[in-house]
PDB file of N, CA and C in Angstrom:
ATOM      1  N   UNK A   1    -247.294-122.578   1.500  1.00  0.00           N
ATOM      2  CA  UNK A   1    -247.694-121.971   0.357  1.00  0.00           C
ATOM      3  C   UNK A   1    -248.996-120.609   1.302  1.00  0.00           C
ATOM      4  N   UNK A   2    -249.387-120.863   2.172  1.00  0.00           N
ATOM      5  CA  UNK A   2    -250.061-120.560   3.067  1.00  0.00           C
ATOM      6  C   UNK A   2    -249.492-118.867   3.582  1.00  0.00           C
ATOM      7  N   UNK A   3    -248.291-119.108   3.626  1.00  0.00           N
ATOM      8  CA  UNK A   3    -247.613-118.189   4.079  1.00  0.00           C
ATOM      9  C   UNK A   3    -246.977-117.068   3.419  1.00  0.00           C
ATOM     10  N   UNK A   4    -247.118-117.621   1.904  1.00  0.00           N
ATOM     11  CA  UNK A   4    -246.441-116.658   1.095  1.00  0.00           C
ATOM     12  C   UNK A   4    -247.622-115.900   0.744  1.00  0.00           C
ATOM     13  N   UNK A   5    -248.760-116.571   0.904  1.00  0.00           N
ATOM     14  CA  UNK A   5    -250.289-116.110   0.500  1.00  0.00           C
ATOM     15  C   UNK A   5    -250.357-114.681   1.736  1.00  0.00           C
ATOM     16  N   UNK A   6    -250.137-115.062   2.988  1.00  0.00           N
ATOM     17  CA  UNK A   6    -250.465-114.214   3.791  1.00  0.00           C
ATOM     18  C   UNK A   6    -249.649-112.935   3.684  1.00  0.00           C
ATOM     19  N   UNK A   7    -248.235-113.506   3.319  1.00  0.00           N
ATOM     20  CA  UNK A   7    -247.454-112.225   2.801  1.00  0.00           C
ATOM     21  C   UNK A   7    -247.859-111.278   1.553  1.00  0.00           C
ATOM     22  N   UNK A   8    -248.224-111.927   0.984  1.00  0.00           N
ATOM     23  CA  UNK A   8    -248.506-110.911  -0.717  1.00  0.00           C
ATOM     24  C   UNK A   8    -249.899-110.302  -0.119  1.00  0.00           C
ATOM     25  N   UNK A   9    -250.727-110.410   0.951  1.00  0.00           N
ATOM     26  CA  UNK A   9    -251.788-110.189   1.174  1.00  0.00           C
ATOM     27  C   UNK A   9    -251.257-108.722   1.539  1.00  0.00           C
ATOM     28  N   UNK A  10    -250.632-108.899   3.085  1.00  0.00           N
ATOM     29  CA  UNK A  10    -249.960-107.982   3.797  1.00  0.00           C
ATOM     30  C   UNK A  10    -249.242-107.047   3.092  1.00  0.00           C
ATOM     31  N   UNK A  11    -248.331-107.270   1.681  1.00  0.00           N
ATOM     32  CA  UNK A  11    -247.523-106.740   1.523  1.00  0.00           C
ATOM     33  C   UNK A  11    -248.559-105.645   0.092  1.00  0.00           C
ATOM     34  N   UNK A  12    -249.681-106.107  -0.231  1.00  0.00           N
ATOM     35  CA  UNK A  12    -251.150-105.498  -0.849  1.00  0.00           C
ATOM     36  C   UNK A  12    -251.701-104.519   0.357  1.00  0.00           C
ATOM     37  N   UNK A  13    -251.714-104.416   1.338  1.00  0.00           N
ATOM     38  CA  UNK A  13    -252.452-104.060   2.159  1.00  0.00           C
ATOM     39  C   UNK A  13    -251.622-102.529   2.560  1.00  0.00           C
ATOM     40  N   UNK A  14    -250.497-102.963   2.418  1.00  0.00           N
ATOM     41  CA  UNK A  14    -249.462-102.160   2.801  1.00  0.00           C
ATOM     42  C   UNK A  14    -249.350-100.767   1.924  1.00  0.00           C
ATOM     43  N   UNK A  15    -248.996-101.404   0.565  1.00  0.00           N
ATOM     44  CA  UNK A  15    -249.386-100.535  -0.496  1.00  0.00           C
ATOM     45  C   UNK A  15    -250.528 -99.707  -0.701  1.00  0.00           C
ATOM     46  N   UNK A  16    -251.430-100.189  -0.483  1.00  0.00           N
ATOM     47  CA  UNK A  16    -252.628 -99.686  -0.705  1.00  0.00           C
ATOM     48  C   UNK A  16    -252.872 -98.629   0.213  1.00  0.00           C
ATOM     49  N   UNK A  17    -252.227 -98.585   1.238  1.00  0.00           N
ATOM     50  CA  UNK A  17    -251.933 -97.554   2.261  1.00  0.00           C
ATOM     51  C   UNK A  17    -251.410 -96.397   2.280  1.00  0.00           C
ATOM     52  N   UNK A  18    -250.082 -96.700   0.711  1.00  0.00           N
ATOM     53  CA  UNK A  18    -249.683 -95.773   0.947  1.00  0.00           C
ATOM     54  C   UNK A  18    -250.080 -94.951  -0.082  1.00  0.00           C
ATOM     55  N   UNK A  19    -250.711 -95.727  -0.889  1.00  0.00           N
ATOM     56  CA  UNK A  19    -251.910 -94.671  -2.913  1.00  0.00           C
ATOM     57  C   UNK A  19    -253.321 -93.663  -1.968  1.00  0.00           C
ATOM     58  N   UNK A  20    -253.223 -93.838  -0.875  1.00  0.00           N
ATOM     59  CA  UNK A  20    -254.290 -93.526   0.170  1.00  0.00           C
ATOM     60  C   UNK A  20    -253.975 -92.231   1.228  1.00  0.00           C
ATOM     61  N   UNK A  21    -252.608 -92.358   1.433  1.00  0.00           N
ATOM     62  CA  UNK A  21    -251.796 -91.578   1.872  1.00  0.00           C
ATOM     63  C   UNK A  21    -251.615 -90.254   1.273  1.00  0.00           C
ATOM     64  N   UNK A  22    -251.690 -89.877  -0.025  1.00  0.00           N
ATOM     65  CA  UNK A  22    -251.407 -88.950  -1.101  1.00  0.00           C
ATOM     66  C   UNK A  22    -252.500 -88.059  -0.365  1.00  0.00           C
ATOM     67  N   UNK A  23    -252.430 -86.824  -0.560  1.00  0.00           N
ATOM     68  CA  UNK A  23    -253.076 -85.548   0.198  1.00  0.00           C
ATOM     69  C   UNK A  23    -254.312 -84.842  -0.741  1.00  0.00           C
ATOM     70  N   UNK A  24    -255.253 -85.089  -0.177  1.00  0.00           N
ATOM     71  CA  UNK A  24    -256.211 -84.329  -0.940  1.00  0.00           C
ATOM     72  C   UNK A  24    -255.951 -82.897  -1.722  1.00  0.00           C
ATOM     73  N   UNK A  25    -255.975 -82.312  -3.185  1.00  0.00           N
ATOM     74  CA  UNK A  25    -255.434 -81.332  -3.357  1.00  0.00           C
ATOM     75  C   UNK A  25    -256.141 -79.795  -3.121  1.00  0.00           C
ATOM     76  N   UNK A  26    -257.516 -80.035  -2.443  1.00  0.00           N
ATOM     77  CA  UNK A  26    -258.009 -79.280  -1.693  1.00  0.00           C
ATOM     78  C   UNK A  26    -257.892 -79.130  -0.582  1.00  0.00           C
ATOM     79  N   UNK A  27    -257.015 -80.305   0.319  1.00  0.00           N
ATOM     80  CA  UNK A  27    -256.595 -79.732   1.693  1.00  0.00           C
ATOM     81  C   UNK A  27    -255.660 -78.715   1.678  1.00  0.00           C
ATOM     82  N   UNK A  28    -254.550 -79.666   0.475  1.00  0.00           N
ATOM     83  CA  UNK A  28    -253.059 -78.156   0.376  1.00  0.00           C
ATOM     84  C   UNK A  28    -253.082 -77.234   0.148  1.00  0.00           C
ATOM     85  N   UNK A  29    -254.573 -77.055  -0.965  1.00  0.00           N
ATOM     86  CA  UNK A  29    -254.722 -75.535  -0.978  1.00  0.00           C
ATOM     87  C   UNK A  29    -255.465 -75.165  -0.226  1.00  0.00           C
ATOM     88  N   UNK A  30    -256.052 -75.690   0.902  1.00  0.00           N
ATOM     89  CA  UNK A  30    -256.584 -74.287   1.614  1.00  0.00           C
ATOM     90  C   UNK A  30    -255.373 -74.328   2.895  1.00  0.00           C
ATOM     91  N   UNK A  31    -254.767 -75.423   3.180  1.00  0.00           N
ATOM     92  CA  UNK A  31    -253.326 -74.686   3.893  1.00  0.00           C
ATOM     93  C   UNK A  31    -252.855 -73.500   3.549  1.00  0.00           C
ATOM     94  N   UNK A  32    -252.534 -73.717   1.911  1.00  0.00           N
ATOM     95  CA  UNK A  32    -251.433 -72.645   1.536  1.00  0.00           C
ATOM     96  C   UNK A  32    -252.354 -71.156   1.929  1.00  0.00           C
ATOM     97  N   UNK A  33    -253.838 -71.636   1.911  1.00  0.00           N
ATOM     98  CA  UNK A  33    -254.457 -69.948   1.622  1.00  0.00           C
ATOM     99  C   UNK A  33    -254.446 -69.950   3.261  1.00  0.00           C
ATOM    100  N   UNK A  34    -253.485 -70.287   4.247  1.00  0.00           N
ATOM    101  CA  UNK A  34    -253.447 -69.153   4.996  1.00  0.00           C
ATOM    102  C   UNK A  34    -252.281 -68.370   5.135  1.00  0.00           C
ATOM    103  N   UNK A  35    -251.834 -69.004   4.237  1.00  0.00           N
ATOM    104  CA  UNK A  35    -250.185 -67.860   4.061  1.00  0.00           C
ATOM    105  C   UNK A  35    -250.587 -66.746   2.842  1.00  0.00           C
ATOM    106  N   UNK A  36    -251.810 -66.966   2.220  1.00  0.00           N
ATOM    107  CA  UNK A  36    -252.280 -65.103   1.923  1.00  0.00           C
ATOM    108  C   UNK A  36    -252.037 -63.793   2.358  1.00  0.00           C
ATOM    109  N   UNK A  37    -252.126 -63.679   3.579  1.00  0.00           N
ATOM    110  CA  UNK A  37    -251.990 -62.610   4.158  1.00  0.00           C
ATOM    111  C   UNK A  37    -250.615 -62.063   4.214  1.00  0.00           C
ATOM    112  N   UNK A  38    -249.581 -62.721   4.354  1.00  0.00           N
ATOM    113  CA  UNK A  38    -248.135 -61.934   4.218  1.00  0.00           C
ATOM    114  C   UNK A  38    -247.981 -62.279   2.958  1.00  0.00           C
ATOM    115  N   UNK A  39    -247.999 -62.988   2.182  1.00  0.00           N
ATOM    116  CA  UNK A  39    -247.461 -64.062   1.189  1.00  0.00           C
ATOM    117  C   UNK A  39    -248.014 -64.061  -0.266  1.00  0.00           C
ATOM    118  N   UNK A  40    -249.570 -63.239   0.076  1.00  0.00           N
ATOM    119  CA  UNK A  40    -250.004 -62.831  -0.988  1.00  0.00           C
ATOM    120  C   UNK A  40    -251.138 -64.064  -1.469  1.00  0.00           C
ATOM    121  N   UNK A  41    -252.072 -63.445  -2.678  1.00  0.00           N
ATOM    122  CA  UNK A  41    -253.482 -65.204  -3.028  1.00  0.00           C
ATOM    123  C   UNK A  41    -252.263 -65.708  -4.312  1.00  0.00           C
ATOM    124  N   UNK A  42    -252.058 -66.930  -4.121  1.00  0.00           N
ATOM    125  CA  UNK A  42    -250.925 -67.777  -4.246  1.00  0.00           C
ATOM    126  C   UNK A  42    -250.096 -67.691  -4.765  1.00  0.00           C
ATOM    127  N   UNK A  43    -249.341 -67.116  -3.363  1.00  0.00           N
ATOM    128  CA  UNK A  43    -248.211 -67.109  -3.086  1.00  0.00           C
ATOM    129  C   UNK A  43    -247.657 -65.420  -4.012  1.00  0.00           C
ATOM    130  N   UNK A  44    -248.427 -64.732  -4.916  1.00  0.00           N
ATOM    131  CA  UNK A  44    -247.695 -63.803  -5.360  1.00  0.00           C
ATOM    132  C   UNK A  44    -247.632 -62.310  -4.159  1.00  0.00           C
ATOM    133  N   UNK A  45    -246.525 -61.883  -3.968  1.00  0.00           N
ATOM    134  CA  UNK A  45    -246.704 -61.360  -2.373  1.00  0.00           C
ATOM    135  C   UNK A  45    -246.856 -59.590  -3.028  1.00  0.00           C
ATOM    136  N   UNK A  46    -246.793 -58.670  -1.949  1.00  0.00           N
ATOM    137  CA  UNK A  46    -246.681 -57.445  -2.101  1.00  0.00           C
ATOM    138  C   UNK A  46    -245.605 -57.054  -2.418  1.00  0.00           C
ATOM    139  N   UNK A  47    -245.003 -56.006  -2.838  1.00  0.00           N
ATOM    140  CA  UNK A  47    -243.763 -55.507  -2.846  1.00  0.00           C
ATOM    141  C   UNK A  47    -243.261 -55.826  -0.977  1.00  0.00           C
ATOM    142  N   UNK A  48    -241.994 -56.171  -0.556  1.00  0.00           N
ATOM    143  CA  UNK A  48    -241.897 -55.910   0.856  1.00  0.00           C
ATOM    144  C   UNK A  48    -241.964 -57.204   1.320  1.00  0.00           C
ATOM    145  N   UNK A  49    -242.476 -58.524   0.713  1.00  0.00           N
ATOM    146  CA  UNK A  49    -242.697 -59.599   1.078  1.00  0.00           C
ATOM    147  C   UNK A  49    -242.393 -60.854   0.292  1.00  0.00           C
ATOM    148  N   UNK A  50    -241.707 -61.703   0.664  1.00  0.00           N
ATOM    149  CA  UNK A  50    -241.421 -62.742   0.395  1.00  0.00           C
ATOM    150  C   UNK A  50    -242.610 -63.172  -0.722  1.00  0.00           C
ATOM    151  N   UNK A  51    -242.194 -63.378  -1.551  1.00  0.00           N
ATOM    152  CA  UNK A  51    -243.056 -64.394  -2.889  1.00  0.00           C
ATOM    153  C   UNK A  51    -242.870 -65.699  -3.049  1.00  0.00           C
ATOM    154  N   UNK A  52    -243.974 -66.489  -3.065  1.00  0.00           N
ATOM    155  CA  UNK A  52    -243.694 -68.106  -3.037  1.00  0.00           C
ATOM    156  C   UNK A  52    -243.789 -68.595  -4.220  1.00  0.00           C
ATOM    157  N   UNK A  53    -245.130 -68.063  -4.694  1.00  0.00           N
ATOM    158  CA  UNK A  53    -245.030 -68.607  -6.288  1.00  0.00           C
ATOM    159  C   UNK A  53    -244.002 -69.475  -7.309  1.00  0.00           C
ATOM    160  N   UNK A  54    -243.773 -70.193  -7.398  1.00  0.00           N
ATOM    161  CA  UNK A  54    -243.079 -70.435  -8.346  1.00  0.00           C
ATOM    162  C   UNK A  54    -241.212 -70.662  -7.923  1.00  0.00           C
ATOM    163  N   UNK A  55    -241.460 -71.061  -6.391  1.00  0.00           N
ATOM    164  CA  UNK A  55    -240.095 -70.711  -5.845  1.00  0.00           C
ATOM    165  C   UNK A  55    -239.663 -72.039  -6.027  1.00  0.00           C
ATOM    166  N   UNK A  56    -238.684 -72.694  -5.671  1.00  0.00           N
ATOM    167  CA  UNK A  56    -237.606 -73.720  -5.429  1.00  0.00           C
ATOM    168  C   UNK A  56    -238.663 -74.676  -4.230  1.00  0.00           C
ATOM    169  N   UNK A  57    -239.279 -75.700  -4.660  1.00  0.00           N
ATOM    170  CA  UNK A  57    -239.996 -76.481  -3.433  1.00  0.00           C
ATOM    171  C   UNK A  57    -239.264 -77.069  -2.262  1.00  0.00           C
ATOM    172  N   UNK A  58    -237.836 -77.596  -2.718  1.00  0.00           N
ATOM    173  CA  UNK A  58    -236.949 -77.938  -1.834  1.00  0.00           C
ATOM    174  C   UNK A  58    -236.266 -76.707  -1.098  1.00  0.00           C
ATOM    175  N   UNK A  59    -236.285 -75.498  -1.528  1.00  0.00           N
ATOM    176  CA  UNK A  59    -235.994 -74.811  -0.357  1.00  0.00           C
ATOM    177  C   UNK A  59    -236.718 -74.138   0.367  1.00  0.00           C
ATOM    178  N   UNK A  60    -237.819 -73.650  -0.214  1.00  0.00           N
ATOM    179  CA  UNK A  60    -239.150 -73.749   0.867  1.00  0.00           C
ATOM    180  C   UNK A  60    -239.395 -74.801   1.796  1.00  0.00           C
ATOM    181  N   UNK A  61    -238.842 -76.093   1.754  1.00  0.00           N
ATOM    182  CA  UNK A  61    -239.354 -76.918   2.513  1.00  0.00           C
ATOM    183  C   UNK A  61    -238.217 -76.582   3.466  1.00  0.00           C
ATOM    184  N   UNK A  62    -236.958 -76.542   3.469  1.00  0.00           N
ATOM    185  CA  UNK A  62    -236.093 -76.755   4.218  1.00  0.00           C
ATOM    186  C   UNK A  62    -236.376 -75.142   5.109  1.00  0.00           C
ATOM    187  N   UNK A  63    -236.545 -73.908   4.323  1.00  0.00           N
ATOM    188  CA  UNK A  63    -237.189 -72.868   5.259  1.00  0.00           C
ATOM    189  C   UNK A  63    -238.119 -73.632   5.940  1.00  0.00           C
ATOM    190  N   UNK A  64    -238.822 -73.542   6.079  1.00  0.00           N
ATOM    191  CA  UNK A  64    -240.307 -73.994   6.581  1.00  0.00           C
ATOM    192  C   UNK A  64    -239.670 -74.963   7.820  1.00  0.00           C
ATOM    193  N   UNK A  65    -238.946 -76.086   7.577  1.00  0.00           N
ATOM    194  CA  UNK A  65    -238.448 -77.078   8.591  1.00  0.00           C
ATOM    195  C   UNK A  65    -237.510 -76.262   9.709  1.00  0.00           C
ATOM    196  N   UNK A  66    -236.661 -75.073   8.969  1.00  0.00           N
ATOM    197  CA  UNK A  66    -235.885 -74.481   9.533  1.00  0.00           C
ATOM    198  C   UNK A  66    -236.703 -73.462  10.599  1.00  0.00           C
ATOM    199  N   UNK A  67    -237.743 -72.975  10.207  1.00  0.00           N
ATOM    200  CA  UNK A  67    -238.754 -72.172  10.978  1.00  0.00           C
ATOM    201  C   UNK A  67    -239.034 -73.145  12.353  1.00  0.00           C
ATOM    202  N   UNK A  68    -239.199 -74.124  11.911  1.00  0.00           N
ATOM    203  CA  UNK A  68    -240.114 -75.092  12.620  1.00  0.00           C
ATOM    204  C   UNK A  68    -239.485 -75.527  14.063  1.00  0.00           C
ATOM    205  N   UNK A  69    -237.726 -76.206  13.499  1.00  0.00           N
ATOM    206  CA  UNK A  69    -237.132 -76.163  14.666  1.00  0.00           C
ATOM    207  C   UNK A  69    -236.497 -75.228  15.408  1.00  0.00           C
ATOM    208  N   UNK A  70    -236.630 -74.080  14.689  1.00  0.00           N
ATOM    209  CA  UNK A  70    -236.086 -72.553  15.654  1.00  0.00           C
ATOM    210  C   UNK A  70    -234.614 -72.169  15.249  1.00  0.00           C
ATOM    211  N   UNK A  71    -234.380 -73.047  14.242  1.00  0.00           N
ATOM    212  CA  UNK A  71    -233.037 -72.957  13.689  1.00  0.00           C
ATOM    213  C   UNK A  71    -232.883 -71.051  12.820  1.00  0.00           C
ATOM    214  N   UNK A  72    -234.101 -71.140  12.030  1.00  0.00           N
ATOM    215  CA  UNK A  72    -234.190 -70.096  11.799  1.00  0.00           C
ATOM    216  C   UNK A  72    -234.925 -68.867  12.052  1.00  0.00           C
ATOM    217  N   UNK A  73    -234.234 -67.624  12.609  1.00  0.00           N
ATOM    218  CA  UNK A  73    -234.997 -66.892  13.477  1.00  0.00           C
ATOM    219  C   UNK A  73    -236.604 -66.252  12.380  1.00  0.00           C
ATOM    220  N   UNK A  74    -237.112 -65.890  13.250  1.00  0.00           N
ATOM    221  CA  UNK A  74    -238.505 -64.951  12.239  1.00  0.00           C
ATOM    222  C   UNK A  74    -239.300 -64.616  13.579  1.00  0.00           C
ATOM    223  N   UNK A  75    -239.985 -63.429  13.096  1.00  0.00           N
ATOM    224  CA  UNK A  75    -241.227 -63.052  13.974  1.00  0.00           C
ATOM    225  C   UNK A  75    -242.617 -63.698  14.119  1.00  0.00           C
ATOM    226  N   UNK A  76    -243.416 -64.444  13.055  1.00  0.00           N
ATOM    227  CA  UNK A  76    -244.187 -64.982  13.648  1.00  0.00           C
ATOM    228  C   UNK A  76    -243.483 -66.853  12.531  1.00  0.00           C
ATOM    229  N   UNK A  77    -243.234 -66.559  11.400  1.00  0.00           N
ATOM    230  CA  UNK A  77    -243.389 -67.905  10.905  1.00  0.00           C
ATOM    231  C   UNK A  77    -242.674 -69.271  12.158  1.00  0.00           C
ATOM    232  N   UNK A  78    -241.565 -69.450  12.759  1.00  0.00           N
ATOM    233  CA  UNK A  78    -241.527 -70.234  13.925  1.00  0.00           C
ATOM    234  C   UNK A  78    -242.718 -70.824  14.302  1.00  0.00           C
ATOM    235  N   UNK A  79    -243.983 -69.874  14.788  1.00  0.00           N
ATOM    236  CA  UNK A  79    -244.693 -70.493  15.769  1.00  0.00           C
ATOM    237  C   UNK A  79    -246.003 -71.341  13.979  1.00  0.00           C
ATOM    238  N   UNK A  80    -246.236 -70.466  13.322  1.00  0.00           N
ATOM    239  CA  UNK A  80    -246.570 -71.481  12.092  1.00  0.00           C
ATOM    240  C   UNK A  80    -245.854 -72.388  11.684  1.00  0.00           C
ATOM    241  N   UNK A  81    -244.847 -72.345  11.487  1.00  0.00           N
ATOM    242  CA  UNK A  81    -244.717 -73.779  11.107  1.00  0.00           C
ATOM    243  C   UNK A  81    -244.966 -75.035  11.850  1.00  0.00           C
ATOM    244  N   UNK A  82    -244.810 -74.838  13.135  1.00  0.00           N
ATOM    245  CA  UNK A  82    -245.006 -75.913  14.243  1.00  0.00           C
ATOM    246  C   UNK A  82    -246.135 -76.026  13.513  1.00  0.00           C
ATOM    247  N   UNK A  83    -247.262 -75.240  13.062  1.00  0.00           N
ATOM    248  CA  UNK A  83    -248.730 -76.007  12.953  1.00  0.00           C
ATOM    249  C   UNK A  83    -248.885 -77.020  12.223  1.00  0.00           C
ATOM    250  N   UNK A  84    -247.829 -76.876  11.281  1.00  0.00           N
ATOM    251  CA  UNK A  84    -247.965 -78.471  10.464  1.00  0.00           C
ATOM    252  C   UNK A  84    -246.935 -79.135  10.090  1.00  0.00           C
ATOM    253  N   UNK A  85    -247.551 -80.520  10.107  1.00  0.00           N
ATOM    254  CA  UNK A  85    -246.467 -81.685  10.040  1.00  0.00           C
ATOM    255  C   UNK A  85    -245.486 -81.342   8.994  1.00  0.00           C
ATOM    256  N   UNK A  86    -244.632 -82.570   8.656  1.00  0.00           N
ATOM    257  CA  UNK A  86    -243.683 -82.551   7.719  1.00  0.00           C
ATOM    258  C   UNK A  86    -244.088 -82.220   6.235  1.00  0.00           C
ATOM    259  N   UNK A  87    -245.075 -83.677   6.510  1.00  0.00           N
ATOM    260  CA  UNK A  87    -245.672 -84.150   5.349  1.00  0.00           C
ATOM    261  C   UNK A  87    -246.685 -82.896   4.797  1.00  0.00           C
ATOM    262  N   UNK A  88    -247.486 -82.276   5.852  1.00  0.00           N
ATOM    263  CA  UNK A  88    -248.037 -81.155   5.287  1.00  0.00           C
ATOM    264  C   UNK A  88    -247.007 -79.918   4.774  1.00  0.00           C
ATOM    265  N   UNK A  89    -245.706 -79.458   5.110  1.00  0.00           N
ATOM    266  CA  UNK A  89    -245.194 -78.587   4.568  1.00  0.00           C
ATOM    267  C   UNK A  89    -244.766 -79.003   3.533  1.00  0.00           C
ATOM    268  N   UNK A  90    -244.226 -80.362   3.032  1.00  0.00           N
ATOM    269  CA  UNK A  90    -244.130 -80.829   2.046  1.00  0.00           C
ATOM    270  C   UNK A  90    -244.910 -80.464   0.604  1.00  0.00           C
ATOM    271  N   UNK A  91    -246.526 -80.986   1.394  1.00  0.00           N
ATOM    272  CA  UNK A  91    -247.224 -80.508  -0.197  1.00  0.00           C
ATOM    273  C   UNK A  91    -247.725 -79.005  -0.365  1.00  0.00           C
ATOM    274  N   UNK A  92    -247.532 -78.291   1.081  1.00  0.00           N
ATOM    275  CA  UNK A  92    -247.973 -76.943   0.803  1.00  0.00           C
ATOM    276  C   UNK A  92    -246.587 -75.995  -0.258  1.00  0.00           C
ATOM    277  N   UNK A  93    -245.213 -76.394   0.526  1.00  0.00           N
ATOM    278  CA  UNK A  93    -244.174 -76.409  -0.659  1.00  0.00           C
ATOM    279  C   UNK A  93    -244.532 -76.509  -2.345  1.00  0.00           C
ATOM    280  N   UNK A  94    -245.010 -78.118  -2.553  1.00  0.00           N
ATOM    281  CA  UNK A  94    -245.286 -77.846  -3.694  1.00  0.00           C
ATOM    282  C   UNK A  94    -246.443 -77.645  -4.804  1.00  0.00           C
ATOM    283  N   UNK A  95    -247.256 -77.166  -3.983  1.00  0.00           N
ATOM    284  CA  UNK A  95    -248.045 -76.176  -3.982  1.00  0.00           C
ATOM    285  C   UNK A  95    -247.778 -75.224  -4.616  1.00  0.00           C
ATOM    286  N   UNK A  96    -247.391 -74.448  -3.373  1.00  0.00           N
ATOM    287  CA  UNK A  96    -246.360 -72.855  -4.380  1.00  0.00           C
ATOM    288  C   UNK A  96    -245.594 -72.584  -5.632  1.00  0.00           C
ATOM    289  N   UNK A  97    -244.456 -74.060  -5.416  1.00  0.00           N
ATOM    290  CA  UNK A  97    -243.665 -74.394  -6.231  1.00  0.00           C
ATOM    291  C   UNK A  97    -244.013 -74.511  -8.028  1.00  0.00           C
ATOM    292  N   UNK A  98    -245.485 -74.789  -7.782  1.00  0.00           N
ATOM    293  CA  UNK A  98    -246.702 -75.238  -8.774  1.00  0.00           C
ATOM    294  C   UNK A  98    -247.227 -73.896  -9.886  1.00  0.00           C
ATOM    295  N   UNK A  99    -246.675 -72.960  -8.482  1.00  0.00           N
ATOM    296  CA  UNK A  99    -247.727 -72.036  -9.283  1.00  0.00           C
ATOM    297  C   UNK A  99    -246.916 -71.002  -9.876  1.00  0.00           C
ATOM    298  N   UNK A 100    -247.625 -70.295 -10.791  1.00  0.00           N
ATOM    299  CA  UNK A 100    -246.777 -69.236 -11.343  1.00  0.00           C
ATOM    300  C   UNK A 100    -246.663 -67.879 -10.772  1.00  0.00           C
ATOM    301  N   UNK A 101    -245.606 -67.357 -11.227  1.00  0.00           N
ATOM    302  CA  UNK A 101    -244.703 -65.933 -10.927  1.00  0.00           C
ATOM    303  C   UNK A 101    -245.415 -64.725 -11.144  1.00  0.00           C
TER     304      UNK A 101
END
């Protein structure tokens, strides 16, 4: 019986950690702001640059992970992508996917 209580307590602690793992939207917004120089405010780029607003989240994540791993050639994106964790990349892609084109 005591073992079951201990297991239940451990499960609840682990689940509360998962709930806290969600990223603060303000953090995501500040990470995404660093993209504005090339991709425009909220991902709405000027002509000649790739707009990120409203783009497919999964496509953006794949591109960023490819930049990060060196599978996709770039002038600067490969270096920038290395500065983010995979979870941050997913969060940033979700931010841009949610923006209106």
